[in-house]
Amino acid sequence: MPAERRTPTRSSSRPTPTRIVVDAGSKALSSDLLGQTGHGAVQGHEEIVVTALSEEHGVIELDAPSDWPRVGERLRLIPNHACVVSNLFDRVNLLAADGTIEAVPVAARGRVD
């Protein structure tokens, strides 16, 4: 998975001890799997992947019950593919190795030509 793009999100629901619903769906993560097993991974826990998407939400299924993350806790997701969603955002934030962040406008915003 490309480590260049990370999507900040929050845990918005915990319907079961093994299910996490996050506020990043197919509009922030691509629905294209490209032969991979998930739509993205949790940064720092790359073995945990987003297994299903709606337009606004993603679903993570854990292997075992856990109380992590709690509702409202911030997560960073590493999408497996970002090309198809780039025109939905006004800017992207680039994270440098030293931790600095640079906001860059998306020239493709709203374009389909």
Foldseek 3Di string as FASTA:
>chain_A
DDPFAKDKWFFADDPDQFKTKIQAFCLQFPPDQVPHQAQWAWVVGRVWHFRDGDHGITMTGHPDGDCPPPGGDMIIIGGPDGVVNLLCDQWGWTADPVGDIDTDGRPNHPPDD
